[in-house]
């Protein structure tokens, strides 16, 4: 089989539907979703901003396993969601 044949026959890997933050936002109550989106949108140098680690710790304390790195990637719009909220 040639490279061209292999590429034509290849199937894309299945991807998840959004990152862990996006999946969490989809299942939270409207009140909790609004609060999390608001926390995610506070700019880096703005007062009241919670760090990625703080958000992760809070989410974990509420039973949601979302790592600091995933939150950081989501805030940078570099995740598979492509949006903060």
PDB file of N, CA and C in Angstrom:
ATOM      1  N   UNK A   1       0.852  -1.179   0.000  1.00  0.00           N
ATOM      2  CA  UNK A   1       0.000   0.000   0.000  1.00  0.00           C
ATOM      3  C   UNK A   1       0.896   1.239   0.000  1.00  0.00           C
ATOM      4  N   UNK A   2       0.534   2.202  -0.801  1.00  0.00           N
ATOM      5  CA  UNK A   2       1.307   3.446  -0.862  1.00  0.00           C
ATOM      6  C   UNK A   2       0.893   4.390   0.264  1.00  0.00           C
ATOM      7  N   UNK A   3       1.709   5.395   0.471  1.00  0.00           N
ATOM      8  CA  UNK A   3       1.380   6.403   1.473  1.00  0.00           C
ATOM      9  C   UNK A   3       0.044   7.058   1.146  1.00  0.00           C
ATOM     10  N   UNK A   4      -0.169   7.373  -0.110  1.00  0.00           N
ATOM     11  CA  UNK A   4      -1.425   8.004  -0.528  1.00  0.00           C
ATOM     12  C   UNK A   4      -2.611   7.103  -0.186  1.00  0.00           C
ATOM     13  N   UNK A   5      -2.481   5.792  -0.412  1.00  0.00           N
ATOM     14  CA  UNK A   5      -3.557   4.849  -0.092  1.00  0.00           C
ATOM     15  C   UNK A   5      -3.798   4.790   1.419  1.00  0.00           C
ATOM     16  N   UNK A   6      -2.712   4.781   2.188  1.00  0.00           N
ATOM     17  CA  UNK A   6      -2.830   4.723   3.643  1.00  0.00           C
ATOM     18  C   UNK A   6      -3.526   5.968   4.185  1.00  0.00           C
ATOM     19  N   UNK A   7      -3.153   7.133   3.665  1.00  0.00           N
ATOM     20  CA  UNK A   7      -3.776   8.371   4.117  1.00  0.00           C
ATOM     21  C   UNK A   7      -5.255   8.425   3.736  1.00  0.00           C
ATOM     22  N   UNK A   8      -5.567   7.923   2.556  1.00  0.00           N
ATOM     23  CA  UNK A   8      -6.958   7.920   2.108  1.00  0.00           C
ATOM     24  C   UNK A   8      -7.800   6.963   2.946  1.00  0.00           C
ATOM     25  N   UNK A   9      -7.237   5.864   3.372  1.00  0.00           N
ATOM     26  CA  UNK A   9      -7.965   4.853   4.135  1.00  0.00           C
ATOM     27  C   UNK A   9      -8.048   5.166   5.629  1.00  0.00           C
ATOM     28  N   UNK A  10      -7.192   6.047   6.095  1.00  0.00           N
ATOM     29  CA  UNK A  10      -7.140   6.347   7.529  1.00  0.00           C
ATOM     30  C   UNK A  10      -8.418   7.038   7.997  1.00  0.00           C
ATOM     31  N   UNK A  11      -8.840   6.696   9.194  1.00  0.00           N
ATOM     32  CA  UNK A  11      -9.994   7.328   9.827  1.00  0.00           C
ATOM     33  C   UNK A  11      -9.498   8.254  10.934  1.00  0.00           C
ATOM     34  N   UNK A  12     -10.081   9.445  11.065  1.00  0.00           N
ATOM     35  CA  UNK A  12      -9.643  10.350  12.131  1.00  0.00           C
ATOM     36  C   UNK A  12      -9.939   9.737  13.502  1.00  0.00           C
ATOM     37  N   UNK A  13      -9.089  10.065  14.463  1.00  0.00           N
ATOM     38  CA  UNK A  13      -9.345   9.636  15.832  1.00  0.00           C
ATOM     39  C   UNK A  13     -10.602  10.326  16.328  1.00  0.00           C
ATOM     40  N   UNK A  14     -11.345   9.622  17.135  1.00  0.00           N
ATOM     41  CA  UNK A  14     -12.520  10.239  17.747  1.00  0.00           C
ATOM     42  C   UNK A  14     -12.035  11.210  18.803  1.00  0.00           C
ATOM     43  N   UNK A  15     -12.626  12.394  18.818  1.00  0.00           N
ATOM     44  CA  UNK A  15     -12.243  13.402  19.805  1.00  0.00           C
ATOM     45  C   UNK A  15     -13.385  13.601  20.789  1.00  0.00           C
ATOM     46  N   UNK A  16     -13.033  14.086  21.949  1.00  0.00           N
ATOM     47  CA  UNK A  16     -14.052  14.344  22.961  1.00  0.00           C
ATOM     48  C   UNK A  16     -14.851  15.574  22.567  1.00  0.00           C
ATOM     49  N   UNK A  17     -15.957  15.746  23.207  1.00  0.00           N
ATOM     50  CA  UNK A  17     -16.792  16.914  22.949  1.00  0.00           C
ATOM     51  C   UNK A  17     -16.402  18.014  23.926  1.00  0.00           C
ATOM     52  N   UNK A  18     -15.406  18.757  23.562  1.00  0.00           N
ATOM     53  CA  UNK A  18     -14.964  19.850  24.412  1.00  0.00           C
ATOM     54  C   UNK A  18     -14.025  19.381  25.498  1.00  0.00           C
ATOM     55  N   UNK A  19     -13.428  20.341  26.136  1.00  0.00           N
ATOM     56  CA  UNK A  19     -12.511  20.033  27.235  1.00  0.00           C
ATOM     57  C   UNK A  19     -13.309  19.778  28.505  1.00  0.00           C
ATOM     58  N   UNK A  20     -12.624  19.444  29.581  1.00  0.00           N
ATOM     59  CA  UNK A  20     -13.296  19.126  30.846  1.00  0.00           C
ATOM     60  C   UNK A  20     -14.076  20.321  31.379  1.00  0.00           C
ATOM     61  N   UNK A  21     -13.574  21.534  31.164  1.00  0.00           N
ATOM     62  CA  UNK A  21     -14.307  22.721  31.631  1.00  0.00           C
ATOM     63  C   UNK A  21     -15.586  22.879  30.810  1.00  0.00           C
ATOM     64  N   UNK A  22     -15.498  22.728  29.515  1.00  0.00           N
ATOM     65  CA  UNK A  22     -16.672  22.838  28.655  1.00  0.00           C
ATOM     66  C   UNK A  22     -17.718  21.781  28.969  1.00  0.00           C
ATOM     67  N   UNK A  23     -17.261  20.555  29.215  1.00  0.00           N
ATOM     68  CA  UNK A  23     -18.209  19.488  29.567  1.00  0.00           C
ATOM     69  C   UNK A  23     -18.872  19.780  30.908  1.00  0.00           C
ATOM     70  N   UNK A  24     -18.101  20.334  31.848  1.00  0.00           N
ATOM     71  CA  UNK A  24     -18.661  20.681  33.150  1.00  0.00           C
ATOM     72  C   UNK A  24     -19.686  21.802  33.005  1.00  0.00           C
ATOM     73  N   UNK A  25     -19.362  22.826  32.236  1.00  0.00           N
ATOM     74  CA  UNK A  25     -20.294  23.935  32.040  1.00  0.00           C
ATOM     75  C   UNK A  25     -21.620  23.451  31.469  1.00  0.00           C
ATOM     76  N   UNK A  26     -21.567  22.407  30.654  1.00  0.00           N
ATOM     77  CA  UNK A  26     -22.780  21.886  30.016  1.00  0.00           C
ATOM     78  C   UNK A  26     -23.726  21.207  31.001  1.00  0.00           C
ATOM     79  N   UNK A  27     -23.210  20.768  32.147  1.00  0.00           N
ATOM     80  CA  UNK A  27     -24.061  20.022  33.088  1.00  0.00           C
ATOM     81  C   UNK A  27     -24.345  20.768  34.391  1.00  0.00           C
ATOM     82  N   UNK A  28     -23.699  21.898  34.601  1.00  0.00           N
ATOM     83  CA  UNK A  28     -23.929  22.659  35.833  1.00  0.00           C
ATOM     84  C   UNK A  28     -25.308  23.317  35.813  1.00  0.00           C
ATOM     85  N   UNK A  29     -25.816  23.601  36.987  1.00  0.00           N
ATOM     86  CA  UNK A  29     -27.059  24.371  37.085  1.00  0.00           C
ATOM     87  C   UNK A  29     -26.801  25.752  36.493  1.00  0.00           C
ATOM     88  N   UNK A  30     -27.835  26.431  36.044  1.00  0.00           N
ATOM     89  CA  UNK A  30     -27.625  27.765  35.483  1.00  0.00           C
ATOM     90  C   UNK A  30     -26.892  28.715  36.444  1.00  0.00           C
ATOM     91  N   UNK A  31     -27.218  28.657  37.719  1.00  0.00           N
ATOM     92  CA  UNK A  31     -26.572  29.527  38.707  1.00  0.00           C
ATOM     93  C   UNK A  31     -25.080  29.211  38.828  1.00  0.00           C
ATOM     94  N   UNK A  32     -24.735  27.920  38.917  1.00  0.00           N
ATOM     95  CA  UNK A  32     -23.333  27.523  39.036  1.00  0.00           C
ATOM     96  C   UNK A  32     -22.570  27.802  37.746  1.00  0.00           C
ATOM     97  N   UNK A  33     -23.223  27.577  36.611  1.00  0.00           N
ATOM     98  CA  UNK A  33     -22.581  27.848  35.323  1.00  0.00           C
ATOM     99  C   UNK A  33     -22.254  29.331  35.213  1.00  0.00           C
ATOM    100  N   UNK A  34     -23.210  30.181  35.549  1.00  0.00           N
ATOM    101  CA  UNK A  34     -22.999  31.621  35.492  1.00  0.00           C
ATOM    102  C   UNK A  34     -21.839  32.048  36.397  1.00  0.00           C
ATOM    103  N   UNK A  35     -21.782  31.476  37.588  1.00  0.00           N
ATOM    104  CA  UNK A  35     -20.716  31.826  38.535  1.00  0.00           C
ATOM    105  C   UNK A  35     -19.349  31.378  38.013  1.00  0.00           C
ATOM    106  N   UNK A  36     -19.283  30.169  37.454  1.00  0.00           N
ATOM    107  CA  UNK A  36     -18.002  29.676  36.940  1.00  0.00           C
ATOM    108  C   UNK A  36     -17.562  30.479  35.725  1.00  0.00           C
ATOM    109  N   UNK A  37     -18.469  30.762  34.819  1.00  0.00           N
ATOM    110  CA  UNK A  37     -18.115  31.565  33.641  1.00  0.00           C
ATOM    111  C   UNK A  37     -17.609  32.939  34.074  1.00  0.00           C
ATOM    112  N   UNK A  38     -18.290  33.548  35.034  1.00  0.00           N
ATOM    113  CA  UNK A  38     -17.859  34.859  35.528  1.00  0.00           C
ATOM    114  C   UNK A  38     -16.450  34.779  36.108  1.00  0.00           C
ATOM    115  N   UNK A  39     -16.166  33.730  36.865  1.00  0.00           N
ATOM    116  CA  UNK A  39     -14.833  33.566  37.455  1.00  0.00           C
ATOM    117  C   UNK A  39     -13.782  33.348  36.369  1.00  0.00           C
ATOM    118  N   UNK A  40     -14.119  32.596  35.339  1.00  0.00           N
ATOM    119  CA  UNK A  40     -13.175  32.337  34.253  1.00  0.00           C
ATOM    120  C   UNK A  40     -12.872  33.597  33.441  1.00  0.00           C
ATOM    121  N   UNK A  41     -13.832  34.504  33.357  1.00  0.00           N
ATOM    122  CA  UNK A  41     -13.684  35.681  32.507  1.00  0.00           C
ATOM    123  C   UNK A  41     -12.938  36.842  33.161  1.00  0.00           C
ATOM    124  N   UNK A  42     -12.673  36.765  34.451  1.00  0.00           N
ATOM    125  CA  UNK A  42     -11.942  37.856  35.113  1.00  0.00           C
ATOM    126  C   UNK A  42     -10.517  37.877  34.561  1.00  0.00           C
ATOM    127  N   UNK A  43     -10.130  38.995  34.030  1.00  0.00           N
ATOM    128  CA  UNK A  43      -8.826  39.130  33.383  1.00  0.00           C
ATOM    129  C   UNK A  43      -7.658  38.930  34.330  1.00  0.00           C
ATOM    130  N   UNK A  44      -6.525  38.618  33.753  1.00  0.00           N
ATOM    131  CA  UNK A  44      -5.333  38.250  34.516  1.00  0.00           C
ATOM    132  C   UNK A  44      -4.905  39.294  35.538  1.00  0.00           C
ATOM    133  N   UNK A  45      -5.018  40.551  35.231  1.00  0.00           N
ATOM    134  CA  UNK A  45      -4.574  41.597  36.153  1.00  0.00           C
ATOM    135  C   UNK A  45      -5.738  42.323  36.821  1.00  0.00           C
ATOM    136  N   UNK A  46      -6.924  41.743  36.725  1.00  0.00           N
ATOM    137  CA  UNK A  46      -8.097  42.376  37.315  1.00  0.00           C
ATOM    138  C   UNK A  46      -8.292  41.917  38.762  1.00  0.00           C
ATOM    139  N   UNK A  47      -8.820  42.816  39.607  1.00  0.00           N
ATOM    140  CA  UNK A  47      -9.078  42.428  41.000  1.00  0.00           C
ATOM    141  C   UNK A  47     -10.144  41.337  41.059  1.00  0.00           C
ATOM    142  N   UNK A  48      -9.987  40.460  42.012  1.00  0.00           N
ATOM    143  CA  UNK A  48     -10.954  39.387  42.206  1.00  0.00           C
ATOM    144  C   UNK A  48     -10.690  38.135  41.397  1.00  0.00           C
ATOM    145  N   UNK A  49      -9.654  38.166  40.574  1.00  0.00           N
ATOM    146  CA  UNK A  49      -9.353  36.984  39.758  1.00  0.00           C
ATOM    147  C   UNK A  49      -8.845  35.867  40.654  1.00  0.00           C
ATOM    148  N   UNK A  50      -9.423  34.680  40.476  1.00  0.00           N
ATOM    149  CA  UNK A  50      -8.946  33.482  41.161  1.00  0.00           C
ATOM    150  C   UNK A  50      -7.942  32.792  40.255  1.00  0.00           C
ATOM    151  N   UNK A  51      -6.887  32.267  40.834  1.00  0.00           N
ATOM    152  CA  UNK A  51      -5.880  31.565  40.039  1.00  0.00           C
ATOM    153  C   UNK A  51      -6.472  30.269  39.492  1.00  0.00           C
ATOM    154  N   UNK A  52      -5.801  29.725  38.501  1.00  0.00           N
ATOM    155  CA  UNK A  52      -6.227  28.444  37.940  1.00  0.00           C
ATOM    156  C   UNK A  52      -6.221  27.367  39.022  1.00  0.00           C
ATOM    157  N   UNK A  53      -5.223  27.403  39.900  1.00  0.00           N
ATOM    158  CA  UNK A  53      -5.149  26.423  40.983  1.00  0.00           C
ATOM    159  C   UNK A  53      -6.312  26.589  41.957  1.00  0.00           C
ATOM    160  N   UNK A  54      -6.645  27.843  42.291  1.00  0.00           N
ATOM    161  CA  UNK A  54      -7.772  28.084  43.191  1.00  0.00           C
ATOM    162  C   UNK A  54      -9.072  27.558  42.593  1.00  0.00           C
ATOM    163  N   UNK A  55      -9.299  27.838  41.311  1.00  0.00           N
ATOM    164  CA  UNK A  55     -10.510  27.343  40.663  1.00  0.00           C
ATOM    165  C   UNK A  55     -10.540  25.820  40.662  1.00  0.00           C
ATOM    166  N   UNK A  56      -9.408  25.207  40.354  1.00  0.00           N
ATOM    167  CA  UNK A  56      -9.327  23.747  40.367  1.00  0.00           C
ATOM    168  C   UNK A  56      -9.645  23.195  41.753  1.00  0.00           C
ATOM    169  N   UNK A  57      -9.062  23.793  42.776  1.00  0.00           N
ATOM    170  CA  UNK A  57      -9.304  23.342  44.155  1.00  0.00           C
ATOM    171  C   UNK A  57     -10.778  23.473  44.534  1.00  0.00           C
ATOM    172  N   UNK A  58     -11.395  24.578  44.160  1.00  0.00           N
ATOM    173  CA  UNK A  58     -12.806  24.792  44.465  1.00  0.00           C
ATOM    174  C   UNK A  58     -13.667  23.762  43.737  1.00  0.00           C
ATOM    175  N   UNK A  59     -13.381  23.564  42.460  1.00  0.00           N
ATOM    176  CA  UNK A  59     -14.158  22.593  41.692  1.00  0.00           C
ATOM    177  C   UNK A  59     -13.996  21.185  42.268  1.00  0.00           C
ATOM    178  N   UNK A  60     -12.775  20.823  42.630  1.00  0.00           N
ATOM    179  CA  UNK A  60     -12.533  19.508  43.218  1.00  0.00           C
ATOM    180  C   UNK A  60     -13.267  19.355  44.545  1.00  0.00           C
ATOM    181  N   UNK A  61     -13.329  20.429  45.341  1.00  0.00           N
ATOM    182  CA  UNK A  61     -14.028  20.349  46.623  1.00  0.00           C
ATOM    183  C   UNK A  61     -15.533  20.143  46.427  1.00  0.00           C
ATOM    184  N   UNK A  62     -16.021  20.492  45.231  1.00  0.00           N
ATOM    185  CA  UNK A  62     -17.430  20.303  44.901  1.00  0.00           C
ATOM    186  C   UNK A  62     -17.662  19.010  44.108  1.00  0.00           C
ATOM    187  N   UNK A  63     -16.589  18.207  43.966  1.00  0.00           N
ATOM    188  CA  UNK A  63     -16.730  16.908  43.305  1.00  0.00           C
ATOM    189  C   UNK A  63     -16.461  16.898  41.814  1.00  0.00           C
ATOM    190  N   UNK A  64     -15.867  17.969  41.281  1.00  0.00           N
ATOM    191  CA  UNK A  64     -15.581  18.068  39.851  1.00  0.00           C
ATOM    192  C   UNK A  64     -14.070  18.008  39.647  1.00  0.00           C
ATOM    193  N   UNK A  65     -13.593  16.950  39.038  1.00  0.00           N
ATOM    194  CA  UNK A  65     -12.155  16.780  38.821  1.00  0.00           C
ATOM    195  C   UNK A  65     -11.705  17.540  37.577  1.00  0.00           C
ATOM    196  N   UNK A  66     -11.281  18.770  37.773  1.00  0.00           N
ATOM    197  CA  UNK A  66     -10.777  19.607  36.683  1.00  0.00           C
ATOM    198  C   UNK A  66      -9.423  20.147  37.125  1.00  0.00           C
ATOM    199  N   UNK A  67      -8.393  19.829  36.367  1.00  0.00           N
ATOM    200  CA  UNK A  67      -7.041  20.215  36.768  1.00  0.00           C
ATOM    201  C   UNK A  67      -6.756  21.682  36.475  1.00  0.00           C
ATOM    202  N   UNK A  68      -5.751  22.185  37.145  1.00  0.00           N
ATOM    203  CA  UNK A  68      -5.292  23.551  36.945  1.00  0.00           C
ATOM    204  C   UNK A  68      -4.881  23.768  35.484  1.00  0.00           C
ATOM    205  N   UNK A  69      -4.220  22.790  34.893  1.00  0.00           N
ATOM    206  CA  UNK A  69      -3.749  22.909  33.514  1.00  0.00           C
ATOM    207  C   UNK A  69      -4.920  23.005  32.534  1.00  0.00           C
ATOM    208  N   UNK A  70      -5.973  22.244  32.788  1.00  0.00           N
ATOM    209  CA  UNK A  70      -7.143  22.292  31.911  1.00  0.00           C
ATOM    210  C   UNK A  70      -7.809  23.661  31.995  1.00  0.00           C
ATOM    211  N   UNK A  71      -7.897  24.209  33.206  1.00  0.00           N
ATOM    212  CA  UNK A  71      -8.485  25.541  33.388  1.00  0.00           C
ATOM    213  C   UNK A  71      -7.632  26.581  32.661  1.00  0.00           C
ATOM    214  N   UNK A  72      -6.330  26.486  32.795  1.00  0.00           N
ATOM    215  CA  UNK A  72      -5.438  27.426  32.119  1.00  0.00           C
ATOM    216  C   UNK A  72      -5.622  27.369  30.603  1.00  0.00           C
ATOM    217  N   UNK A  73      -5.653  26.169  30.061  1.00  0.00           N
ATOM    218  CA  UNK A  73      -5.828  25.990  28.615  1.00  0.00           C
ATOM    219  C   UNK A  73      -7.176  26.545  28.168  1.00  0.00           C
ATOM    220  N   UNK A  74      -8.212  26.307  28.960  1.00  0.00           N
ATOM    221  CA  UNK A  74      -9.551  26.806  28.640  1.00  0.00           C
ATOM    222  C   UNK A  74      -9.572  28.336  28.666  1.00  0.00           C
ATOM    223  N   UNK A  75      -8.966  28.933  29.676  1.00  0.00           N
ATOM    224  CA  UNK A  75      -8.936  30.396  29.775  1.00  0.00           C
ATOM    225  C   UNK A  75      -8.192  31.029  28.604  1.00  0.00           C
ATOM    226  N   UNK A  76      -7.206  30.346  28.090  1.00  0.00           N
ATOM    227  CA  UNK A  76      -6.425  30.864  26.957  1.00  0.00           C
ATOM    228  C   UNK A  76      -7.118  30.611  25.616  1.00  0.00           C
ATOM    229  N   UNK A  77      -8.290  29.960  25.662  1.00  0.00           N
ATOM    230  CA  UNK A  77      -9.031  29.584  24.468  1.00  0.00           C
ATOM    231  C   UNK A  77      -8.225  28.631  23.586  1.00  0.00           C
ATOM    232  N   UNK A  78      -7.362  27.843  24.205  1.00  0.00           N
ATOM    233  CA  UNK A  78      -6.518  26.914  23.470  1.00  0.00           C
ATOM    234  C   UNK A  78      -7.022  25.474  23.574  1.00  0.00           C
ATOM    235  N   UNK A  79      -8.190  25.291  24.147  1.00  0.00           N
ATOM    236  CA  UNK A  79      -8.747  23.953  24.310  1.00  0.00           C
ATOM    237  C   UNK A  79      -9.660  23.623  23.131  1.00  0.00           C
ATOM    238  N   UNK A  80     -10.256  22.445  23.178  1.00  0.00           N
ATOM    239  CA  UNK A  80     -11.138  22.029  22.094  1.00  0.00           C
ATOM    240  C   UNK A  80     -12.481  22.744  22.105  1.00  0.00           C
ATOM    241  N   UNK A  81     -12.790  23.468  23.166  1.00  0.00           N
ATOM    242  CA  UNK A  81     -14.056  24.229  23.237  1.00  0.00           C
ATOM    243  C   UNK A  81     -13.986  25.469  22.351  1.00  0.00           C
ATOM    244  N   UNK A  82     -12.882  26.173  22.468  1.00  0.00           N
ATOM    245  CA  UNK A  82     -12.724  27.397  21.713  1.00  0.00           C
ATOM    246  C   UNK A  82     -13.437  28.597  22.304  1.00  0.00           C
ATOM    247  N   UNK A  83     -13.951  28.452  23.529  1.00  0.00           N
ATOM    248  CA  UNK A  83     -14.588  29.596  24.192  1.00  0.00           C
ATOM    249  C   UNK A  83     -14.451  29.470  25.694  1.00  0.00           C
ATOM    250  N   UNK A  84     -14.550  30.575  26.390  1.00  0.00           N
ATOM    251  CA  UNK A  84     -14.438  30.547  27.841  1.00  0.00           C
ATOM    252  C   UNK A  84     -15.754  30.129  28.469  1.00  0.00           C
ATOM    253  N   UNK A  85     -16.851  30.536  27.920  1.00  0.00           N
ATOM    254  CA  UNK A  85     -18.139  30.215  28.517  1.00  0.00           C
ATOM    255  C   UNK A  85     -19.076  29.765  27.530  1.00  0.00           C
TER     256      UNK A  85
END
